[in-house]
């Protein structure tokens, strides 16, 4: 049976690997991320940071439960974003929003809440499938990994140590 630190190490390494892969696809293969992709990346980065802090801190039961719950909340938020992204990619064309401005522009011009609403609504560029592996798009893989990483949080939340 794995101990809590092993779960944290596994979660951190998965998150680091996934963010590393995303950066590789962006900077080496030239795949520009849409705003929803960037938000999913942020979820992986935040989850990875929580896993790493929990790994290094190695608290007792209550502390590990708090770290696990925090990582799970981040995972569920990332899951919701990835699910929206997958929905956009599979939605009928008339249901897909128009292409919008880039995230950098929206962050400069719009108030935070309005920018967040626009990003979560999605845009036409979020509906494009530009990469697949085993027939699944990158947002679908993000969704799968976020489900798995959120599941890794369960033994941390219910830690018996």
Foldseek 3Di string as FASTA:
>chain_A
DDALLVLLVVLLVVLVVLLVVVVCCCPPVPDDDALLRVLLNVLSVVLNVLSVCCNVVVDPQVVLLVSLVVNLVSLVVSLLSLVLLVCLLVDPPVQAAAADDGLVVCVVPDDPVVSVVVVSSPHPVSNDADDDDPRHGPSVVSNVVSVVSSVSSVCSNVPPD
